[in-house]
Amino acid sequence: MILTVCDALFLNEAFCLIKSCARHMPEQPFYLFLVNDQNTPDETIQKWHPDIVLERVSWPFQSERWRGIMCSARSIPIEKALEKYRQKLLYLDADTLVRGPLTDLFHDLDRYDLMIKHRPQLNHLGPAGSQFASRFNSGVIAIRPSSVGLKFAHEYNLALQGYVASGRPLELHLLEEKIVSYIDQELLYLTYLRLKDGLSFYPLPAKYNDARFMPDSLIWHGKGTARSNLIYRIEKNKFWVARFSWIFSTLNWILLKSRSIKRRLQNA
């Protein structure tokens, strides 16, 4: 099962993700956890994927905390989906795109309980006070419905939603590093640290969470400023204007080839 979370403002991003999953992984059910959307009919969303589970929730809007709240929302349906369906679960941020079959990734979940992009070299302060805010990138999370996988999802959700309910800041602006750290990634890593001795963990290969848009990568992640990258925007247009997808594919092939040649010349 593949899962994403978004609110009404990000539903356009989720549309492209869902359509990319329908193209490349139609055999995997898609779970959409949709927050505060009253304008898009269920019937419209059901057309985006051959097997889609739609859950709608309505939450009070808190303007100053909303970004942090939405970043923290993922733990709720992750635990719920694992408990209810007991299927291998791949969580994807709404601003990701699937570019090919993910069969090997799902097969890897026969061996591992948890797969996340791991960046052990990064030491960024998080809202909870640890230096682990960037050790994991939470944009792609793969979990097996083993007993320890279920425990991980439960402990992560408990810690994250408890922190949100406490009213404490959900984000921290790091001026020197010019980044914002969010509580969801920090607590994801801290939960892993508590359970790692009994957890079969494997660092997610870069091709499954790639914000540099390499041609061989299977999941592109349009996080932060990468969302405005021309290559990423062209890739999204393949799903907005499906009948001309071959044109957009050709354009991106040319751009990626040109970028590769430029890098080779620079390194020569």
C-alpha atoms as a PDB file:
ATOM      1  CA  MET A   1       0.000   0.000   0.000  1.00  0.00           C
ATOM      2  CA  ILE A   2       1.130   3.553  -0.806  1.00  0.00           C
ATOM      3  CA  LEU A   3       0.065   6.445   1.405  1.00  0.00           C
ATOM      4  CA  THR A   4       0.181  10.228   1.323  1.00  0.00           C
ATOM      5  CA  VAL A   5      -1.176  13.099   3.415  1.00  0.00           C
ATOM      6  CA  CYS A   6      -2.200  16.550   2.245  1.00  0.00           C
ATOM      7  CA  ASP A   7      -4.612  19.390   2.831  1.00  0.00           C
ATOM      8  CA  ALA A   8      -6.724  21.199   0.244  1.00  0.00           C
ATOM      9  CA  LEU A   9      -3.852  23.505  -0.707  1.00  0.00           C
ATOM     10  CA  PHE A  10      -1.559  20.571  -1.534  1.00  0.00           C
ATOM     11  CA  LEU A  11      -4.136  18.403  -3.296  1.00  0.00           C
ATOM     12  CA  ASN A  12      -2.777  19.471  -6.693  1.00  0.00           C
ATOM     13  CA  GLU A  13       0.617  18.078  -5.663  1.00  0.00           C
ATOM     14  CA  ALA A  14      -0.984  14.862  -4.449  1.00  0.00           C
ATOM     15  CA  PHE A  15      -2.867  14.530  -7.744  1.00  0.00           C
ATOM     16  CA  CYS A  16       0.408  14.193  -9.672  1.00  0.00           C
ATOM     17  CA  LEU A  17       1.774  11.713  -7.123  1.00  0.00           C
ATOM     18  CA  ILE A  18      -1.369   9.579  -7.227  1.00  0.00           C
ATOM     19  CA  LYS A  19      -1.432   9.576 -11.030  1.00  0.00           C
ATOM     20  CA  SER A  20       2.259   8.599 -11.106  1.00  0.00           C
ATOM     21  CA  CYS A  21       1.508   5.667  -8.784  1.00  0.00           C
ATOM     22  CA  ALA A  22      -1.453   4.658 -10.930  1.00  0.00           C
ATOM     23  CA  ARG A  23       0.869   4.585 -13.941  1.00  0.00           C
ATOM     24  CA  HIS A  24       3.808   2.730 -12.419  1.00  0.00           C
ATOM     25  CA  MET A  25       2.373   0.778  -9.439  1.00  0.00           C
ATOM     26  CA  PRO A  26      -1.354   0.243 -10.135  1.00  0.00           C
ATOM     27  CA  GLU A  27      -1.337  -3.048  -8.214  1.00  0.00           C
ATOM     28  CA  GLN A  28      -0.626  -1.235  -4.935  1.00  0.00           C
ATOM     29  CA  PRO A  29      -3.695   0.340  -3.234  1.00  0.00           C
ATOM     30  CA  PHE A  30      -3.331   4.065  -2.607  1.00  0.00           C
ATOM     31  CA  TYR A  31      -4.414   5.612   0.707  1.00  0.00           C
ATOM     32  CA  LEU A  32      -5.103   9.374   0.637  1.00  0.00           C
ATOM     33  CA  PHE A  33      -5.440  11.092   4.024  1.00  0.00           C
ATOM     34  CA  LEU A  34      -7.064  14.398   3.084  1.00  0.00           C
ATOM     35  CA  VAL A  35      -7.347  17.291   5.534  1.00  0.00           C
ATOM     36  CA  ASN A  36      -9.864  20.150   5.278  1.00  0.00           C
ATOM     37  CA  ASP A  37     -11.024  19.736   1.690  1.00  0.00           C
ATOM     38  CA  GLN A  38     -14.712  20.359   1.007  1.00  0.00           C
ATOM     39  CA  ASN A  39     -14.531  21.181  -2.697  1.00  0.00           C
ATOM     40  CA  THR A  40     -13.251  18.064  -4.429  1.00  0.00           C
ATOM     41  CA  PRO A  41     -15.910  15.345  -4.863  1.00  0.00           C
ATOM     42  CA  ASP A  42     -15.037  11.790  -3.884  1.00  0.00           C
ATOM     43  CA  GLU A  43     -15.951  10.714  -7.415  1.00  0.00           C
ATOM     44  CA  THR A  44     -13.259  12.968  -8.872  1.00  0.00           C
ATOM     45  CA  ILE A  45     -10.534  11.586  -6.622  1.00  0.00           C
ATOM     46  CA  GLN A  46     -11.619   7.993  -7.251  1.00  0.00           C
ATOM     47  CA  LYS A  47     -10.831   8.500 -10.949  1.00  0.00           C
ATOM     48  CA  TRP A  48      -7.179   9.209 -10.228  1.00  0.00           C
ATOM     49  CA  HIS A  49      -6.261   5.650  -9.258  1.00  0.00           C
ATOM     50  CA  PRO A  50      -7.800   2.188  -9.848  1.00  0.00           C
ATOM     51  CA  ASP A  51      -7.711   1.293  -6.131  1.00  0.00           C
ATOM     52  CA  ILE A  52      -7.837   4.322  -3.863  1.00  0.00           C
ATOM     53  CA  VAL A  53      -8.787   4.561  -0.196  1.00  0.00           C
ATOM     54  CA  LEU A  54      -9.934   8.072   0.729  1.00  0.00           C
ATOM     55  CA  GLU A  55     -10.078   9.274   4.318  1.00  0.00           C
ATOM     56  CA  ARG A  56     -11.233  12.829   4.971  1.00  0.00           C
ATOM     57  CA  VAL A  57     -10.704  14.696   8.236  1.00  0.00           C
ATOM     58  CA  SER A  58     -11.562  18.223   9.331  1.00  0.00           C
ATOM     59  CA  TRP A  59      -9.224  19.997  11.729  1.00  0.00           C
ATOM     60  CA  PRO A  60      -9.345  23.519  13.200  1.00  0.00           C
ATOM     61  CA  PHE A  61      -7.042  25.724  11.159  1.00  0.00           C
ATOM     62  CA  GLN A  62      -4.114  27.200  13.109  1.00  0.00           C
ATOM     63  CA  SER A  63      -2.332  29.561  10.763  1.00  0.00           C
ATOM     64  CA  GLU A  64       0.929  29.926  12.688  1.00  0.00           C
ATOM     65  CA  ARG A  65       1.329  26.185  13.314  1.00  0.00           C
ATOM     66  CA  TRP A  66      -0.310  24.759  10.195  1.00  0.00           C
ATOM     67  CA  ARG A  67       2.857  23.828   8.310  1.00  0.00           C
ATOM     68  CA  GLY A  68       4.161  21.960  11.343  1.00  0.00           C
ATOM     69  CA  ILE A  69       0.780  20.323  11.956  1.00  0.00           C
ATOM     70  CA  MET A  70       0.601  19.015   8.391  1.00  0.00           C
ATOM     71  CA  CYS A  71       4.189  17.756   8.549  1.00  0.00           C
ATOM     72  CA  SER A  72       3.215  15.931  11.740  1.00  0.00           C
ATOM     73  CA  ALA A  73      -0.022  14.499  10.322  1.00  0.00           C
ATOM     74  CA  ARG A  74       1.685  11.582   8.551  1.00  0.00           C
ATOM     75  CA  SER A  75       2.056   9.481  11.698  1.00  0.00           C
ATOM     76  CA  ILE A  76      -1.725   9.175  12.130  1.00  0.00           C
ATOM     77  CA  PRO A  77      -2.591   7.329   8.897  1.00  0.00           C
ATOM     78  CA  ILE A  78       0.710   5.429   8.928  1.00  0.00           C
ATOM     79  CA  GLU A  79      -0.268   3.722  12.181  1.00  0.00           C
ATOM     80  CA  LYS A  80      -3.902   3.379  11.117  1.00  0.00           C
ATOM     81  CA  ALA A  81      -3.115   1.820   7.730  1.00  0.00           C
ATOM     82  CA  LEU A  82      -0.611  -0.659   9.162  1.00  0.00           C
ATOM     83  CA  GLU A  83      -3.015  -1.746  11.900  1.00  0.00           C
ATOM     84  CA  LYS A  84      -6.033  -2.053   9.609  1.00  0.00           C
ATOM     85  CA  TYR A  85      -4.601  -3.524   6.417  1.00  0.00           C
ATOM     86  CA  ARG A  86      -1.443  -5.303   7.664  1.00  0.00           C
ATOM     87  CA  GLN A  87       0.227  -4.643   4.303  1.00  0.00           C
ATOM     88  CA  LYS A  88       3.705  -3.400   3.486  1.00  0.00           C
ATOM     89  CA  LEU A  89       3.408   0.374   3.587  1.00  0.00           C
ATOM     90  CA  LEU A  90       5.188   3.058   1.609  1.00  0.00           C
ATOM     91  CA  TYR A  91       4.549   6.591   2.822  1.00  0.00           C
ATOM     92  CA  LEU A  92       5.316   9.318   0.248  1.00  0.00           C
ATOM     93  CA  ASP A  93       5.169  13.074   0.685  1.00  0.00           C
ATOM     94  CA  ALA A  94       2.634  14.750  -1.583  1.00  0.00           C
ATOM     95  CA  ASP A  95       5.460  16.497  -3.455  1.00  0.00           C
ATOM     96  CA  THR A  96       7.072  13.267  -4.643  1.00  0.00           C
ATOM     97  CA  LEU A  97       6.672  11.610  -8.037  1.00  0.00           C
ATOM     98  CA  VAL A  98       7.047   7.922  -8.854  1.00  0.00           C
ATOM     99  CA  ARG A  99       8.974   7.398 -12.085  1.00  0.00           C
ATOM    100  CA  GLY A 100       9.055   3.638 -12.435  1.00  0.00           C
ATOM    101  CA  PRO A 101       8.067   0.349 -10.794  1.00  0.00           C
ATOM    102  CA  LEU A 102       8.867   0.099  -7.082  1.00  0.00           C
ATOM    103  CA  THR A 103       8.703  -3.699  -7.047  1.00  0.00           C
ATOM    104  CA  ASP A 104      12.206  -4.125  -5.634  1.00  0.00           C
ATOM    105  CA  LEU A 105      11.494  -1.695  -2.794  1.00  0.00           C
ATOM    106  CA  PHE A 106       8.402  -3.639  -1.737  1.00  0.00           C
ATOM    107  CA  HIS A 107      10.398  -6.880  -1.986  1.00  0.00           C
ATOM    108  CA  ASP A 108      13.009  -5.376   0.352  1.00  0.00           C
ATOM    109  CA  LEU A 109      10.280  -5.075   2.987  1.00  0.00           C
ATOM    110  CA  ASP A 110      10.294  -8.877   3.177  1.00  0.00           C
ATOM    111  CA  ARG A 111      13.673  -8.473   4.928  1.00  0.00           C
ATOM    112  CA  TYR A 112      13.517  -5.097   6.666  1.00  0.00           C
ATOM    113  CA  ASP A 113      11.082  -3.554   9.136  1.00  0.00           C
ATOM    114  CA  LEU A 114      11.975   0.036   8.305  1.00  0.00           C
ATOM    115  CA  MET A 115      13.628   1.883   5.421  1.00  0.00           C
ATOM    116  CA  ILE A 116      14.255   5.648   5.492  1.00  0.00           C
ATOM    117  CA  LYS A 117      16.847   7.904   3.886  1.00  0.00           C
ATOM    118  CA  HIS A 118      19.584   8.144   6.523  1.00  0.00           C
ATOM    119  CA  ARG A 119      22.020  11.066   6.730  1.00  0.00           C
ATOM    120  CA  PRO A 120      24.247  10.291   9.741  1.00  0.00           C
ATOM    121  CA  GLN A 121      26.624  13.143   8.928  1.00  0.00           C
ATOM    122  CA  LEU A 122      24.013  15.858   9.616  1.00  0.00           C
ATOM    123  CA  ASN A 123      23.755  17.405  13.063  1.00  0.00           C
ATOM    124  CA  HIS A 124      20.945  19.951  13.094  1.00  0.00           C
ATOM    125  CA  LEU A 125      19.149  21.150  16.188  1.00  0.00           C
ATOM    126  CA  GLY A 126      15.464  20.256  16.311  1.00  0.00           C
ATOM    127  CA  PRO A 127      12.472  21.703  18.188  1.00  0.00           C
ATOM    128  CA  ALA A 128      12.744  18.983  20.855  1.00  0.00           C
ATOM    129  CA  GLY A 129      16.347  19.935  21.598  1.00  0.00           C
ATOM    130  CA  SER A 130      18.315  17.079  20.027  1.00  0.00           C
ATOM    131  CA  GLN A 131      20.858  17.315  17.201  1.00  0.00           C
ATOM    132  CA  PHE A 132      18.973  14.725  15.155  1.00  0.00           C
ATOM    133  CA  ALA A 133      16.478  16.869  13.227  1.00  0.00           C
ATOM    134  CA  SER A 134      17.995  15.978   9.831  1.00  0.00           C
ATOM    135  CA  ARG A 135      19.301  12.437  10.382  1.00  0.00           C
ATOM    136  CA  PHE A 136      16.218  11.020   8.627  1.00  0.00           C
ATOM    137  CA  ASN A 137      14.354  12.494   5.683  1.00  0.00           C
ATOM    138  CA  SER A 138      10.711  11.712   6.346  1.00  0.00           C
ATOM    139  CA  GLY A 139       9.532  12.279   2.755  1.00  0.00           C
ATOM    140  CA  VAL A 140       9.700   8.532   2.027  1.00  0.00           C
ATOM    141  CA  ILE A 141       9.116   5.931   4.743  1.00  0.00           C
ATOM    142  CA  ALA A 142       8.805   2.191   4.105  1.00  0.00           C
ATOM    143  CA  ILE A 143       7.500  -0.003   6.941  1.00  0.00           C
ATOM    144  CA  ARG A 144       6.806  -3.712   7.209  1.00  0.00           C
ATOM    145  CA  PRO A 145       3.704  -4.760   9.219  1.00  0.00           C
ATOM    146  CA  SER A 146       5.800  -6.925  11.541  1.00  0.00           C
ATOM    147  CA  SER A 147       5.271  -6.720  15.274  1.00  0.00           C
ATOM    148  CA  VAL A 148       8.212  -4.323  15.636  1.00  0.00           C
ATOM    149  CA  GLY A 149       7.095  -2.361  12.571  1.00  0.00           C
ATOM    150  CA  LEU A 150       3.662  -1.911  14.129  1.00  0.00           C
ATOM    151  CA  LYS A 151       5.282  -0.940  17.415  1.00  0.00           C
ATOM    152  CA  PHE A 152       7.462   1.624  15.656  1.00  0.00           C
ATOM    153  CA  ALA A 153       4.440   3.207  13.943  1.00  0.00           C
ATOM    154  CA  HIS A 154       2.540   3.313  17.245  1.00  0.00           C
ATOM    155  CA  GLU A 155       5.420   4.797  19.244  1.00  0.00           C
ATOM    156  CA  TYR A 156       6.132   7.380  16.554  1.00  0.00           C
ATOM    157  CA  ASN A 157       2.491   8.452  16.359  1.00  0.00           C
ATOM    158  CA  LEU A 158       2.185   8.585  20.148  1.00  0.00           C
ATOM    159  CA  ALA A 159       5.308  10.736  20.511  1.00  0.00           C
ATOM    160  CA  LEU A 160       4.496  13.046  17.616  1.00  0.00           C
ATOM    161  CA  GLN A 161       0.838  13.683  18.379  1.00  0.00           C
ATOM    162  CA  GLY A 162       1.634  14.124  22.060  1.00  0.00           C
ATOM    163  CA  TYR A 163       4.172  16.771  21.136  1.00  0.00           C
ATOM    164  CA  VAL A 164       1.691  18.537  18.835  1.00  0.00           C
ATOM    165  CA  ALA A 165      -0.950  18.526  21.597  1.00  0.00           C
ATOM    166  CA  SER A 166       1.528  20.057  24.047  1.00  0.00           C
ATOM    167  CA  GLY A 167       1.438  23.333  22.146  1.00  0.00           C
ATOM    168  CA  ARG A 168       5.212  23.534  21.919  1.00  0.00           C
ATOM    169  CA  PRO A 169       6.810  24.936  18.709  1.00  0.00           C
ATOM    170  CA  LEU A 170       6.759  22.429  15.848  1.00  0.00           C
ATOM    171  CA  GLU A 171       9.561  24.024  13.864  1.00  0.00           C
ATOM    172  CA  LEU A 172      12.875  25.691  14.488  1.00  0.00           C
ATOM    173  CA  HIS A 173      14.504  28.215  12.157  1.00  0.00           C
ATOM    174  CA  LEU A 174      18.238  27.578  11.954  1.00  0.00           C
ATOM    175  CA  LEU A 175      19.593  30.891  10.709  1.00  0.00           C
ATOM    176  CA  GLU A 176      23.197  29.826  10.233  1.00  0.00           C
ATOM    177  CA  GLU A 177      22.262  26.700   8.256  1.00  0.00           C
ATOM    178  CA  LYS A 178      19.444  28.560   6.427  1.00  0.00           C
ATOM    179  CA  ILE A 179      16.998  25.710   6.990  1.00  0.00           C
ATOM    180  CA  VAL A 180      13.918  25.015   9.085  1.00  0.00           C
ATOM    181  CA  SER A 181      13.892  21.837  11.182  1.00  0.00           C
ATOM    182  CA  TYR A 182      10.547  20.190  11.934  1.00  0.00           C
ATOM    183  CA  ILE A 183       9.530  18.030  14.839  1.00  0.00           C
ATOM    184  CA  ASP A 184       8.281  15.133  12.684  1.00  0.00           C
ATOM    185  CA  GLN A 185      11.766  14.275  11.404  1.00  0.00           C
ATOM    186  CA  GLU A 186      13.410  14.734  14.786  1.00  0.00           C
ATOM    187  CA  LEU A 187      10.937  12.432  16.558  1.00  0.00           C
ATOM    188  CA  LEU A 188      11.130   9.924  13.705  1.00  0.00           C
ATOM    189  CA  TYR A 189      14.834   9.496  14.412  1.00  0.00           C
ATOM    190  CA  LEU A 190      14.417   9.554  18.201  1.00  0.00           C
ATOM    191  CA  THR A 191      11.777   6.802  17.935  1.00  0.00           C
ATOM    192  CA  TYR A 192      14.203   4.775  15.838  1.00  0.00           C
ATOM    193  CA  LEU A 193      16.920   5.201  18.467  1.00  0.00           C
ATOM    194  CA  ARG A 194      14.614   3.853  21.188  1.00  0.00           C
ATOM    195  CA  LEU A 195      13.649   0.773  19.173  1.00  0.00           C
ATOM    196  CA  LYS A 196      16.675   0.144  16.969  1.00  0.00           C
ATOM    197  CA  ASP A 197      18.005  -2.858  18.898  1.00  0.00           C
ATOM    198  CA  GLY A 198      14.953  -4.905  17.935  1.00  0.00           C
ATOM    199  CA  LEU A 199      14.382  -3.279  14.552  1.00  0.00           C
ATOM    200  CA  SER A 200      15.654  -4.483  11.187  1.00  0.00           C
ATOM    201  CA  PHE A 201      16.583  -1.169   9.571  1.00  0.00           C
ATOM    202  CA  TYR A 202      18.067  -0.484   6.149  1.00  0.00           C
ATOM    203  CA  PRO A 203      18.989   2.981   4.840  1.00  0.00           C
ATOM    204  CA  LEU A 204      16.770   3.831   1.908  1.00  0.00           C
ATOM    205  CA  PRO A 205      18.856   4.093  -1.289  1.00  0.00           C
ATOM    206  CA  ALA A 206      19.024   7.600  -2.772  1.00  0.00           C
ATOM    207  CA  LYS A 207      17.130   6.549  -5.897  1.00  0.00           C
ATOM    208  CA  TYR A 208      13.968   6.235  -3.782  1.00  0.00           C
ATOM    209  CA  ASN A 209      14.164   9.759  -2.334  1.00  0.00           C
ATOM    210  CA  ASP A 210      15.959  12.023  -4.759  1.00  0.00           C
ATOM    211  CA  ALA A 211      15.736  15.835  -4.698  1.00  0.00           C
ATOM    212  CA  ARG A 212      18.519  16.176  -7.299  1.00  0.00           C
ATOM    213  CA  PHE A 213      16.367  14.557 -10.015  1.00  0.00           C
ATOM    214  CA  MET A 214      18.852  12.012 -11.301  1.00  0.00           C
ATOM    215  CA  PRO A 215      17.654  10.194 -14.446  1.00  0.00           C
ATOM    216  CA  ASP A 216      17.835   6.698 -12.921  1.00  0.00           C
ATOM    217  CA  SER A 217      15.998   7.566  -9.699  1.00  0.00           C
ATOM    218  CA  LEU A 218      12.570   6.021  -9.163  1.00  0.00           C
ATOM    219  CA  ILE A 219      11.155   8.625  -6.734  1.00  0.00           C
ATOM    220  CA  TRP A 220      11.781  12.311  -7.262  1.00  0.00           C
ATOM    221  CA  HIS A 221      11.190  14.553  -4.246  1.00  0.00           C
ATOM    222  CA  GLY A 222      10.315  18.191  -4.966  1.00  0.00           C
ATOM    223  CA  LYS A 223      11.119  19.375  -1.453  1.00  0.00           C
ATOM    224  CA  GLY A 224      11.801  23.020  -0.670  1.00  0.00           C
ATOM    225  CA  THR A 225      13.367  24.986  -3.496  1.00  0.00           C
ATOM    226  CA  ALA A 226      13.644  21.809  -5.587  1.00  0.00           C
ATOM    227  CA  ARG A 227       9.910  22.136  -6.269  1.00  0.00           C
ATOM    228  CA  SER A 228      10.599  25.022  -8.659  1.00  0.00           C
ATOM    229  CA  ASN A 229      13.185  23.061 -10.648  1.00  0.00           C
ATOM    230  CA  LEU A 230      12.269  22.994 -14.345  1.00  0.00           C
ATOM    231  CA  ILE A 231      12.909  19.254 -14.659  1.00  0.00           C
ATOM    232  CA  TYR A 232      10.551  18.515 -11.761  1.00  0.00           C
ATOM    233  CA  ARG A 233       7.842  20.842 -13.120  1.00  0.00           C
ATOM    234  CA  ILE A 234       8.023  19.224 -16.545  1.00  0.00           C
ATOM    235  CA  GLU A 235       7.700  15.782 -14.948  1.00  0.00           C
ATOM    236  CA  LYS A 236       4.506  16.918 -13.179  1.00  0.00           C
ATOM    237  CA  ASN A 237       3.059  18.159 -16.460  1.00  0.00           C
ATOM    238  CA  LYS A 238       3.101  14.579 -17.740  1.00  0.00           C
ATOM    239  CA  PHE A 239       0.157  13.963 -15.432  1.00  0.00           C
ATOM    240  CA  TRP A 240      -1.615  17.299 -15.844  1.00  0.00           C
ATOM    241  CA  VAL A 241      -1.639  16.957 -19.643  1.00  0.00           C
ATOM    242  CA  ALA A 242      -1.464  13.195 -20.068  1.00  0.00           C
ATOM    243  CA  ARG A 243      -2.032  13.098 -23.823  1.00  0.00           C
ATOM    244  CA  PHE A 244       1.180  15.080 -24.332  1.00  0.00           C
ATOM    245  CA  SER A 245       3.223  13.128 -21.795  1.00  0.00           C
ATOM    246  CA  TRP A 246       5.573  11.928 -24.520  1.00  0.00           C
ATOM    247  CA  ILE A 247       6.509  15.544 -25.276  1.00  0.00           C
ATOM    248  CA  PHE A 248       7.336  16.229 -21.626  1.00  0.00           C
ATOM    249  CA  SER A 249       9.304  12.984 -21.418  1.00  0.00           C
ATOM    250  CA  THR A 250      11.344  14.047 -24.449  1.00  0.00           C
ATOM    251  CA  LEU A 251      11.965  17.511 -23.001  1.00  0.00           C
ATOM    252  CA  ASN A 252      13.214  16.045 -19.745  1.00  0.00           C
ATOM    253  CA  TRP A 253      15.413  13.549 -21.571  1.00  0.00           C
ATOM    254  CA  ILE A 254      17.063  16.475 -23.380  1.00  0.00           C
ATOM    255  CA  LEU A 255      17.459  18.507 -20.167  1.00  0.00           C
ATOM    256  CA  LEU A 256      18.872  15.583 -18.205  1.00  0.00           C
ATOM    257  CA  LYS A 257      21.244  14.670 -21.021  1.00  0.00           C
ATOM    258  CA  SER A 258      22.422  18.290 -21.276  1.00  0.00           C
ATOM    259  CA  ARG A 259      22.963  18.454 -17.521  1.00  0.00           C
ATOM    260  CA  SER A 260      24.993  15.240 -17.607  1.00  0.00           C
ATOM    261  CA  ILE A 261      27.200  16.545 -20.438  1.00  0.00           C
ATOM    262  CA  LYS A 262      27.727  19.842 -18.620  1.00  0.00           C
ATOM    263  CA  ARG A 263      28.833  18.041 -15.449  1.00  0.00           C
ATOM    264  CA  ARG A 264      31.271  15.860 -17.369  1.00  0.00           C
ATOM    265  CA  LEU A 265      32.816  18.919 -19.008  1.00  0.00           C
ATOM    266  CA  GLN A 266      33.121  20.686 -15.652  1.00  0.00           C
ATOM    267  CA  ASN A 267      34.848  17.655 -14.131  1.00  0.00           C
ATOM    268  CA  ALA A 268      37.142  17.075 -17.092  1.00  0.00           C
END
